[in-house]
Amino acid sequence: HDLIGSIFARAQDGVAPDVRRITSDQLKYLRDLIVR
């Protein structure tokens, strides 16, 4: 939840307010956090 909160705290141009583009490293880190 902390990681997702930090991702959604910053707006991104060109995407809807409820969507964020994330990197492969962020995706891997998010999965690891959820599993742990």
PDB file of all heavy atoms in Angstrom:
ATOM      1  N   HIS A   1       0.828  -1.210   0.000  1.00  0.00           N
ATOM      2  CA  HIS A   1       0.000   0.000   0.000  1.00  0.00           C
ATOM      3  C   HIS A   1       0.862   1.260   0.000  1.00  0.00           C
ATOM      4  O   HIS A   1       0.509   2.259  -0.640  1.00  0.00           O
ATOM      5  CB  HIS A   1      -0.950  -0.001   1.195  1.00  0.00           C
ATOM      6  CG  HIS A   1      -2.032  -1.024   1.081  1.00  0.00           C
ATOM      7  ND1 HIS A   1      -3.115  -0.878   0.263  1.00  0.00           N
ATOM      8  CD2 HIS A   1      -2.176  -2.221   1.692  1.00  0.00           C
ATOM      9  CE1 HIS A   1      -3.901  -1.942   0.367  1.00  0.00           C
ATOM     10  NE2 HIS A   1      -3.343  -2.768   1.218  1.00  0.00           N
ATOM     11  N   ASP A   2       1.990   1.230   0.704  1.00  0.00           N
ATOM     12  CA  ASP A   2       2.912   2.380   0.699  1.00  0.00           C
ATOM     13  C   ASP A   2       3.458   2.634  -0.701  1.00  0.00           C
ATOM     14  O   ASP A   2       3.512   3.774  -1.161  1.00  0.00           O
ATOM     15  CB  ASP A   2       4.088   2.148   1.653  1.00  0.00           C
ATOM     16  CG  ASP A   2       3.684   2.085   3.108  1.00  0.00           C
ATOM     17  OD1 ASP A   2       2.624   2.632   3.465  1.00  0.00           O
ATOM     18  OD2 ASP A   2       4.445   1.478   3.895  1.00  0.00           O
ATOM     19  N   LEU A   3       3.884   1.563  -1.363  1.00  0.00           N
ATOM     20  CA  LEU A   3       4.437   1.699  -2.708  1.00  0.00           C
ATOM     21  C   LEU A   3       3.380   2.241  -3.673  1.00  0.00           C
ATOM     22  O   LEU A   3       3.643   3.183  -4.426  1.00  0.00           O
ATOM     23  CB  LEU A   3       4.977   0.362  -3.214  1.00  0.00           C
ATOM     24  CG  LEU A   3       5.529   0.367  -4.640  1.00  0.00           C
ATOM     25  CD1 LEU A   3       6.672   1.374  -4.783  1.00  0.00           C
ATOM     26  CD2 LEU A   3       5.980  -1.023  -5.042  1.00  0.00           C
ATOM     27  N   ILE A   4       2.190   1.677  -3.633  1.00  0.00           N
ATOM     28  CA  ILE A   4       1.130   2.148  -4.525  1.00  0.00           C
ATOM     29  C   ILE A   4       0.749   3.584  -4.195  1.00  0.00           C
ATOM     30  O   ILE A   4       0.512   4.391  -5.093  1.00  0.00           O
ATOM     31  CB  ILE A   4      -0.083   1.203  -4.469  1.00  0.00           C
ATOM     32  CG1 ILE A   4       0.271  -0.086  -5.213  1.00  0.00           C
ATOM     33  CG2 ILE A   4      -1.325   1.853  -5.069  1.00  0.00           C
ATOM     34  CD1 ILE A   4      -0.793  -1.137  -5.208  1.00  0.00           C
ATOM     35  N   GLY A   5       0.714   3.923  -2.908  1.00  0.00           N
ATOM     36  CA  GLY A   5       0.432   5.298  -2.524  1.00  0.00           C
ATOM     37  C   GLY A   5       1.441   6.270  -3.103  1.00  0.00           C
ATOM     38  O   GLY A   5       1.084   7.350  -3.589  1.00  0.00           O
ATOM     39  N   SER A   6       2.717   5.891  -3.089  1.00  0.00           N
ATOM     40  CA  SER A   6       3.745   6.770  -3.639  1.00  0.00           C
ATOM     41  C   SER A   6       3.641   6.865  -5.164  1.00  0.00           C
ATOM     42  O   SER A   6       3.899   7.914  -5.746  1.00  0.00           O
ATOM     43  CB  SER A   6       5.142   6.300  -3.228  1.00  0.00           C
ATOM     44  OG  SER A   6       5.502   5.101  -3.876  1.00  0.00           O
ATOM     45  N   ILE A   7       3.228   5.786  -5.813  1.00  0.00           N
ATOM     46  CA  ILE A   7       3.065   5.800  -7.269  1.00  0.00           C
ATOM     47  C   ILE A   7       1.898   6.710  -7.663  1.00  0.00           C
ATOM     48  O   ILE A   7       2.014   7.513  -8.580  1.00  0.00           O
ATOM     49  CB  ILE A   7       2.859   4.367  -7.813  1.00  0.00           C
ATOM     50  CG1 ILE A   7       4.159   3.558  -7.683  1.00  0.00           C
ATOM     51  CG2 ILE A   7       2.384   4.391  -9.261  1.00  0.00           C
ATOM     52  CD1 ILE A   7       4.003   2.067  -7.934  1.00  0.00           C
ATOM     53  N   PHE A   8       0.788   6.616  -6.940  1.00  0.00           N
ATOM     54  CA  PHE A   8      -0.382   7.421  -7.276  1.00  0.00           C
ATOM     55  C   PHE A   8      -0.296   8.848  -6.735  1.00  0.00           C
ATOM     56  O   PHE A   8      -1.106   9.692  -7.112  1.00  0.00           O
ATOM     57  CB  PHE A   8      -1.670   6.742  -6.810  1.00  0.00           C
ATOM     58  CG  PHE A   8      -2.162   5.700  -7.778  1.00  0.00           C
ATOM     59  CD1 PHE A   8      -1.842   4.370  -7.609  1.00  0.00           C
ATOM     60  CD2 PHE A   8      -2.927   6.065  -8.871  1.00  0.00           C
ATOM     61  CE1 PHE A   8      -2.277   3.407  -8.500  1.00  0.00           C
ATOM     62  CE2 PHE A   8      -3.368   5.112  -9.774  1.00  0.00           C
ATOM     63  CZ  PHE A   8      -3.046   3.782  -9.595  1.00  0.00           C
ATOM     64  N   ALA A   9       0.681   9.138  -5.898  1.00  0.00           N
ATOM     65  CA  ALA A   9       0.829  10.500  -5.360  1.00  0.00           C
ATOM     66  C   ALA A   9       1.280  11.482  -6.436  1.00  0.00           C
ATOM     67  O   ALA A   9       1.044  12.680  -6.314  1.00  0.00           O
ATOM     68  CB  ALA A   9       1.822  10.497  -4.200  1.00  0.00           C
ATOM     69  N   ARG A  10       1.918  10.993  -7.463  1.00  0.00           N
ATOM     70  CA  ARG A  10       2.405  11.862  -8.542  1.00  0.00           C
ATOM     71  C   ARG A  10       1.573  11.631  -9.796  1.00  0.00           C
ATOM     72  O   ARG A  10       1.449  10.500 -10.271  1.00  0.00           O
ATOM     73  CB  ARG A  10       3.872  11.539  -8.827  1.00  0.00           C
ATOM     74  CG  ARG A  10       4.798  11.885  -7.679  1.00  0.00           C
ATOM     75  CD  ARG A  10       6.234  11.475  -7.971  1.00  0.00           C
ATOM     76  NE  ARG A  10       6.418  10.048  -8.244  1.00  0.00           N
ATOM     77  CZ  ARG A  10       6.501   9.098  -7.316  1.00  0.00           C
ATOM     78  NH1 ARG A  10       6.398   9.408  -6.054  1.00  0.00           N
ATOM     79  NH2 ARG A  10       6.698   7.851  -7.662  1.00  0.00           N
ATOM     80  N   ALA A  11       1.009  12.692 -10.328  1.00  0.00           N
ATOM     81  CA  ALA A  11       0.225  12.584 -11.562  1.00  0.00           C
ATOM     82  C   ALA A  11       1.154  12.289 -12.737  1.00  0.00           C
ATOM     83  O   ALA A  11       2.315  12.683 -12.742  1.00  0.00           O
ATOM     84  CB  ALA A  11      -0.530  13.883 -11.816  1.00  0.00           C
ATOM     85  N   GLN A  12       0.631  11.579 -13.708  1.00  0.00           N
ATOM     86  CA  GLN A  12       1.382  11.294 -14.930  1.00  0.00           C
ATOM     87  C   GLN A  12       0.616  11.855 -16.112  1.00  0.00           C
ATOM     88  O   GLN A  12      -0.601  11.683 -16.212  1.00  0.00           O
ATOM     89  CB  GLN A  12       1.582   9.780 -15.112  1.00  0.00           C
ATOM     90  CG  GLN A  12       2.521   9.166 -14.124  1.00  0.00           C
ATOM     91  CD  GLN A  12       2.711   7.667 -14.369  1.00  0.00           C
ATOM     92  OE1 GLN A  12       1.966   7.042 -15.113  1.00  0.00           O
ATOM     93  NE2 GLN A  12       3.710   7.109 -13.728  1.00  0.00           N
ATOM     94  N   ASP A  13       1.319  12.520 -16.997  1.00  0.00           N
ATOM     95  CA  ASP A  13       0.700  13.075 -18.196  1.00  0.00           C
ATOM     96  C   ASP A  13       0.300  11.960 -19.152  1.00  0.00           C
ATOM     97  O   ASP A  13       1.012  10.969 -19.304  1.00  0.00           O
ATOM     98  CB  ASP A  13       1.665  14.018 -18.919  1.00  0.00           C
ATOM     99  CG  ASP A  13       1.957  15.275 -18.116  1.00  0.00           C
ATOM    100  OD1 ASP A  13       1.090  15.673 -17.308  1.00  0.00           O
ATOM    101  OD2 ASP A  13       3.037  15.853 -18.300  1.00  0.00           O
ATOM    102  N   GLY A  14      -0.836  12.130 -19.776  1.00  0.00           N
ATOM    103  CA  GLY A  14      -1.254  11.208 -20.829  1.00  0.00           C
ATOM    104  C   GLY A  14      -1.973   9.963 -20.363  1.00  0.00           C
ATOM    105  O   GLY A  14      -2.269   9.091 -21.174  1.00  0.00           O
ATOM    106  N   VAL A  15      -2.237   9.839 -19.060  1.00  0.00           N
ATOM    107  CA  VAL A  15      -2.994   8.690 -18.561  1.00  0.00           C
ATOM    108  C   VAL A  15      -4.115   9.194 -17.656  1.00  0.00           C
ATOM    109  O   VAL A  15      -4.047  10.289 -17.112  1.00  0.00           O
ATOM    110  CB  VAL A  15      -2.110   7.670 -17.802  1.00  0.00           C
ATOM    111  CG1 VAL A  15      -1.108   7.017 -18.713  1.00  0.00           C
ATOM    112  CG2 VAL A  15      -1.433   8.295 -16.616  1.00  0.00           C
ATOM    113  N   ALA A  16      -5.151   8.389 -17.505  1.00  0.00           N
ATOM    114  CA  ALA A  16      -6.281   8.734 -16.647  1.00  0.00           C
ATOM    115  C   ALA A  16      -5.828   8.840 -15.192  1.00  0.00           C
ATOM    116  O   ALA A  16      -4.806   8.252 -14.813  1.00  0.00           O
ATOM    117  CB  ALA A  16      -7.371   7.676 -16.792  1.00  0.00           C
ATOM    118  N   PRO A  17      -6.579   9.567 -14.356  1.00  0.00           N
ATOM    119  CA  PRO A  17      -6.192   9.740 -12.949  1.00  0.00           C
ATOM    120  C   PRO A  17      -6.101   8.434 -12.162  1.00  0.00           C
ATOM    121  O   PRO A  17      -5.389   8.369 -11.163  1.00  0.00           O
ATOM    122  CB  PRO A  17      -7.295  10.631 -12.373  1.00  0.00           C
ATOM    123  CG  PRO A  17      -7.957  11.253 -13.533  1.00  0.00           C
ATOM    124  CD  PRO A  17      -7.763  10.346 -14.702  1.00  0.00           C
ATOM    125  N   ASP A  18      -6.800   7.397 -12.603  1.00  0.00           N
ATOM    126  CA  ASP A  18      -6.772   6.122 -11.886  1.00  0.00           C
ATOM    127  C   ASP A  18      -5.814   5.109 -12.517  1.00  0.00           C
ATOM    128  O   ASP A  18      -5.855   3.927 -12.204  1.00  0.00           O
ATOM    129  CB  ASP A  18      -8.180   5.529 -11.803  1.00  0.00           C
ATOM    130  CG  ASP A  18      -8.799   5.294 -13.164  1.00  0.00           C
ATOM    131  OD1 ASP A  18      -8.286   5.830 -14.164  1.00  0.00           O
ATOM    132  OD2 ASP A  18      -9.793   4.552 -13.226  1.00  0.00           O
ATOM    133  N   VAL A  19      -4.942   5.575 -13.396  1.00  0.00           N
ATOM    134  CA  VAL A  19      -3.978   4.706 -14.086  1.00  0.00           C
ATOM    135  C   VAL A  19      -2.580   5.291 -13.925  1.00  0.00           C
ATOM    136  O   VAL A  19      -2.392   6.502 -13.960  1.00  0.00           O
ATOM    137  CB  VAL A  19      -4.313   4.583 -15.594  1.00  0.00           C
ATOM    138  CG1 VAL A  19      -3.248   3.777 -16.328  1.00  0.00           C
ATOM    139  CG2 VAL A  19      -5.685   3.967 -15.792  1.00  0.00           C
ATOM    140  N   ARG A  20      -1.598   4.418 -13.732  1.00  0.00           N
ATOM    141  CA  ARG A  20      -0.198   4.832 -13.701  1.00  0.00           C
ATOM    142  C   ARG A  20       0.622   3.850 -14.517  1.00  0.00           C
ATOM    143  O   ARG A  20       0.378   2.643 -14.511  1.00  0.00           O
ATOM    144  CB  ARG A  20       0.363   4.849 -12.272  1.00  0.00           C
ATOM    145  CG  ARG A  20      -0.232   5.910 -11.384  1.00  0.00           C
ATOM    146  CD  ARG A  20       0.159   7.285 -11.866  1.00  0.00           C
ATOM    147  NE  ARG A  20      -0.337   8.327 -11.004  1.00  0.00           N
ATOM    148  CZ  ARG A  20      -1.512   8.922 -11.139  1.00  0.00           C
ATOM    149  NH1 ARG A  20      -2.336   8.544 -12.088  1.00  0.00           N
ATOM    150  NH2 ARG A  20      -1.874   9.879 -10.317  1.00  0.00           N
ATOM    151  N   ARG A  21       1.596   4.381 -15.232  1.00  0.00           N
ATOM    152  CA  ARG A  21       2.592   3.537 -15.899  1.00  0.00           C
ATOM    153  C   ARG A  21       3.674   3.246 -14.865  1.00  0.00           C
ATOM    154  O   ARG A  21       4.125   4.153 -14.161  1.00  0.00           O
ATOM    155  CB  ARG A  21       3.175   4.270 -17.100  1.00  0.00           C
ATOM    156  CG  ARG A  21       2.184   4.466 -18.227  1.00  0.00           C
ATOM    157  CD  ARG A  21       2.816   5.198 -19.397  1.00  0.00           C
ATOM    158  NE  ARG A  21       3.336   6.513 -19.014  1.00  0.00           N
ATOM    159  CZ  ARG A  21       2.688   7.663 -19.152  1.00  0.00           C
ATOM    160  NH1 ARG A  21       1.485   7.678 -19.679  1.00  0.00           N
ATOM    161  NH2 ARG A  21       3.227   8.801 -18.778  1.00  0.00           N
ATOM    162  N   ILE A  22       4.066   1.983 -14.774  1.00  0.00           N
ATOM    163  CA  ILE A  22       5.119   1.600 -13.830  1.00  0.00           C
ATOM    164  C   ILE A  22       6.207   0.835 -14.580  1.00  0.00           C
ATOM    165  O   ILE A  22       5.942   0.207 -15.596  1.00  0.00           O
ATOM    166  CB  ILE A  22       4.574   0.777 -12.641  1.00  0.00           C
ATOM    167  CG1 ILE A  22       3.900  -0.522 -13.106  1.00  0.00           C
ATOM    168  CG2 ILE A  22       3.612   1.610 -11.808  1.00  0.00           C
ATOM    169  CD1 ILE A  22       3.473  -1.437 -11.975  1.00  0.00           C
ATOM    170  N   THR A  23       7.400   0.894 -14.041  1.00  0.00           N
ATOM    171  CA  THR A  23       8.532   0.208 -14.662  1.00  0.00           C
ATOM    172  C   THR A  23       8.529  -1.273 -14.289  1.00  0.00           C
ATOM    173  O   THR A  23       7.838  -1.693 -13.357  1.00  0.00           O
ATOM    174  CB  THR A  23       9.864   0.830 -14.212  1.00  0.00           C
ATOM    175  OG1 THR A  23      10.011   0.591 -12.806  1.00  0.00           O
ATOM    176  CG2 THR A  23       9.918   2.322 -14.502  1.00  0.00           C
ATOM    177  N   SER A  24       9.325  -2.033 -14.985  1.00  0.00           N
ATOM    178  CA  SER A  24       9.468  -3.458 -14.662  1.00  0.00           C
ATOM    179  C   SER A  24      10.002  -3.649 -13.250  1.00  0.00           C
ATOM    180  O   SER A  24       9.575  -4.563 -12.538  1.00  0.00           O
ATOM    181  CB  SER A  24      10.396  -4.145 -15.672  1.00  0.00           C
ATOM    182  OG  SER A  24       9.824  -4.110 -16.953  1.00  0.00           O
ATOM    183  N   ASP A  25      10.923  -2.776 -12.826  1.00  0.00           N
ATOM    184  CA  ASP A  25      11.466  -2.873 -11.464  1.00  0.00           C
ATOM    185  C   ASP A  25      10.390  -2.590 -10.417  1.00  0.00           C
ATOM    186  O   ASP A  25      10.320  -3.265  -9.392  1.00  0.00           O
ATOM    187  CB  ASP A  25      12.634  -1.908 -11.277  1.00  0.00           C
ATOM    188  CG  ASP A  25      13.877  -2.352 -12.034  1.00  0.00           C
ATOM    189  OD1 ASP A  25      13.995  -3.553 -12.363  1.00  0.00           O
ATOM    190  OD2 ASP A  25      14.741  -1.496 -12.295  1.00  0.00           O
ATOM    191  N   GLN A  26       9.542  -1.589 -10.671  1.00  0.00           N
ATOM    192  CA  GLN A  26       8.448  -1.295  -9.745  1.00  0.00           C
ATOM    193  C   GLN A  26       7.465  -2.463  -9.684  1.00  0.00           C
ATOM    194  O   GLN A  26       6.983  -2.824  -8.608  1.00  0.00           O
ATOM    195  CB  GLN A  26       7.704  -0.022 -10.158  1.00  0.00           C
ATOM    196  CG  GLN A  26       8.470   1.242  -9.893  1.00  0.00           C
ATOM    197  CD  GLN A  26       7.762   2.453 -10.470  1.00  0.00           C
ATOM    198  OE1 GLN A  26       7.323   2.434 -11.617  1.00  0.00           O
ATOM    199  NE2 GLN A  26       7.672   3.511  -9.672  1.00  0.00           N
ATOM    200  N   LEU A  27       7.181  -3.061 -10.827  1.00  0.00           N
ATOM    201  CA  LEU A  27       6.277  -4.205 -10.878  1.00  0.00           C
ATOM    202  C   LEU A  27       6.843  -5.376 -10.085  1.00  0.00           C
ATOM    203  O   LEU A  27       6.140  -5.992  -9.277  1.00  0.00           O
ATOM    204  CB  LEU A  27       6.026  -4.617 -12.331  1.00  0.00           C
ATOM    205  CG  LEU A  27       5.175  -5.862 -12.550  1.00  0.00           C
ATOM    206  CD1 LEU A  27       3.802  -5.706 -11.934  1.00  0.00           C
ATOM    207  CD2 LEU A  27       5.078  -6.173 -14.027  1.00  0.00           C
ATOM    208  N   LYS A  28       8.108  -5.673 -10.260  1.00  0.00           N
ATOM    209  CA  LYS A  28       8.746  -6.768  -9.528  1.00  0.00           C
ATOM    210  C   LYS A  28       8.733  -6.484  -8.031  1.00  0.00           C
ATOM    211  O   LYS A  28       8.413  -7.359  -7.226  1.00  0.00           O
ATOM    212  CB  LYS A  28      10.173  -6.975 -10.016  1.00  0.00           C
ATOM    213  CG  LYS A  28      10.889  -8.120  -9.330  1.00  0.00           C
ATOM    214  CD  LYS A  28      12.306  -8.261  -9.818  1.00  0.00           C
ATOM    215  CE  LYS A  28      13.071  -9.375  -9.161  1.00  0.00           C
ATOM    216  NZ  LYS A  28      12.842  -9.600  -7.760  1.00  0.00           N
ATOM    217  N   TYR A  29       9.059  -5.253  -7.643  1.00  0.00           N
ATOM    218  CA  TYR A  29       9.072  -4.875  -6.232  1.00  0.00           C
ATOM    219  C   TYR A  29       7.670  -4.981  -5.636  1.00  0.00           C
ATOM    220  O   TYR A  29       7.503  -5.501  -4.522  1.00  0.00           O
ATOM    221  CB  TYR A  29       9.634  -3.461  -6.091  1.00  0.00           C
ATOM    222  CG  TYR A  29       9.871  -3.018  -4.663  1.00  0.00           C
ATOM    223  CD1 TYR A  29      10.457  -3.855  -3.730  1.00  0.00           C
ATOM    224  CD2 TYR A  29       9.521  -1.738  -4.264  1.00  0.00           C
ATOM    225  CE1 TYR A  29      10.685  -3.437  -2.440  1.00  0.00           C
ATOM    226  CE2 TYR A  29       9.739  -1.300  -2.968  1.00  0.00           C
ATOM    227  CZ  TYR A  29      10.324  -2.163  -2.061  1.00  0.00           C
ATOM    228  OH  TYR A  29      10.535  -1.745  -0.771  1.00  0.00           O
ATOM    229  N   LEU A  30       6.652  -4.535  -6.349  1.00  0.00           N
ATOM    230  CA  LEU A  30       5.281  -4.625  -5.860  1.00  0.00           C
ATOM    231  C   LEU A  30       4.883  -6.080  -5.649  1.00  0.00           C
ATOM    232  O   LEU A  30       4.320  -6.437  -4.615  1.00  0.00           O
ATOM    233  CB  LEU A  30       4.321  -3.944  -6.843  1.00  0.00           C
ATOM    234  CG  LEU A  30       2.836  -4.020  -6.496  1.00  0.00           C
ATOM    235  CD1 LEU A  30       2.550  -3.389  -5.143  1.00  0.00           C
ATOM    236  CD2 LEU A  30       2.008  -3.362  -7.589  1.00  0.00           C
ATOM    237  N   ARG A  31       5.188  -6.938  -6.611  1.00  0.00           N
ATOM    238  CA  ARG A  31       4.870  -8.360  -6.456  1.00  0.00           C
ATOM    239  C   ARG A  31       5.581  -8.955  -5.246  1.00  0.00           C
ATOM    240  O   ARG A  31       4.991  -9.724  -4.489  1.00  0.00           O
ATOM    241  CB  ARG A  31       5.271  -9.121  -7.710  1.00  0.00           C
ATOM    242  CG  ARG A  31       4.311  -8.961  -8.839  1.00  0.00           C
ATOM    243  CD  ARG A  31       4.753  -9.826  -9.999  1.00  0.00           C
ATOM    244  NE  ARG A  31       3.810  -9.759 -11.094  1.00  0.00           N
ATOM    245  CZ  ARG A  31       4.167  -9.784 -12.352  1.00  0.00           C
ATOM    246  NH1 ARG A  31       5.447  -9.896 -12.687  1.00  0.00           N
ATOM    247  NH2 ARG A  31       3.258  -9.724 -13.299  1.00  0.00           N
ATOM    248  N   ASP A  32       6.861  -8.620  -5.082  1.00  0.00           N
ATOM    249  CA  ASP A  32       7.617  -9.130  -3.935  1.00  0.00           C
ATOM    250  C   ASP A  32       6.989  -8.683  -2.613  1.00  0.00           C
ATOM    251  O   ASP A  32       6.884  -9.466  -1.670  1.00  0.00           O
ATOM    252  CB  ASP A  32       9.073  -8.667  -3.997  1.00  0.00           C
ATOM    253  CG  ASP A  32       9.869  -9.337  -5.100  1.00  0.00           C
ATOM    254  OD1 ASP A  32       9.396 -10.357  -5.656  1.00  0.00           O
ATOM    255  OD2 ASP A  32      10.971  -8.839  -5.420  1.00  0.00           O
ATOM    256  N   LEU A  33       6.576  -7.424  -2.543  1.00  0.00           N
ATOM    257  CA  LEU A  33       5.952  -6.915  -1.317  1.00  0.00           C
ATOM    258  C   LEU A  33       4.641  -7.632  -1.018  1.00  0.00           C
ATOM    259  O   LEU A  33       4.360  -7.976   0.135  1.00  0.00           O
ATOM    260  CB  LEU A  33       5.694  -5.402  -1.430  1.00  0.00           C
ATOM    261  CG  LEU A  33       6.917  -4.500  -1.393  1.00  0.00           C
ATOM    262  CD1 LEU A  33       6.510  -3.061  -1.682  1.00  0.00           C
ATOM    263  CD2 LEU A  33       7.632  -4.593  -0.052  1.00  0.00           C
ATOM    264  N   ILE A  34       3.849  -7.878  -2.041  1.00  0.00           N
ATOM    265  CA  ILE A  34       2.569  -8.566  -1.843  1.00  0.00           C
ATOM    266  C   ILE A  34       2.800  -9.992  -1.368  1.00  0.00           C
ATOM    267  O   ILE A  34       2.134 -10.467  -0.447  1.00  0.00           O
ATOM    268  CB  ILE A  34       1.722  -8.538  -3.131  1.00  0.00           C
ATOM    269  CG1 ILE A  34       1.273  -7.102  -3.423  1.00  0.00           C
ATOM    270  CG2 ILE A  34       0.516  -9.462  -3.015  1.00  0.00           C
ATOM    271  CD1 ILE A  34       0.647  -6.913  -4.789  1.00  0.00           C
ATOM    272  N   VAL A  35       3.757 -10.682  -1.958  1.00  0.00           N
ATOM    273  CA  VAL A  35       4.047 -12.066  -1.571  1.00  0.00           C
ATOM    274  C   VAL A  35       4.573 -12.139  -0.139  1.00  0.00           C
ATOM    275  O   VAL A  35       4.199 -13.028   0.629  1.00  0.00           O
ATOM    276  CB  VAL A  35       5.056 -12.704  -2.561  1.00  0.00           C
ATOM    277  CG1 VAL A  35       5.582 -14.019  -2.038  1.00  0.00           C
ATOM    278  CG2 VAL A  35       4.397 -12.887  -3.919  1.00  0.00           C
ATOM    279  N   ARG A  36       5.417 -11.184   0.255  1.00  0.00           N
ATOM    280  CA  ARG A  36       5.997 -11.191   1.604  1.00  0.00           C
ATOM    281  C   ARG A  36       4.994 -10.840   2.688  1.00  0.00           C
ATOM    282  O   ARG A  36       5.149 -11.272   3.825  1.00  0.00           O
ATOM    283  CB  ARG A  36       7.161 -10.209   1.685  1.00  0.00           C
ATOM    284  CG  ARG A  36       8.442 -10.808   1.174  1.00  0.00           C
ATOM    285  CD  ARG A  36       9.601  -9.934   1.524  1.00  0.00           C
ATOM    286  NE  ARG A  36       9.916  -9.142   0.333  1.00  0.00           N
ATOM    287  CZ  ARG A  36      10.436  -7.951   0.331  1.00  0.00           C
ATOM    288  NH1 ARG A  36      10.714  -7.354   1.461  1.00  0.00           N
ATOM    289  NH2 ARG A  36      10.692  -7.311  -0.782  1.00  0.00           N
TER     290      ARG A  36
END
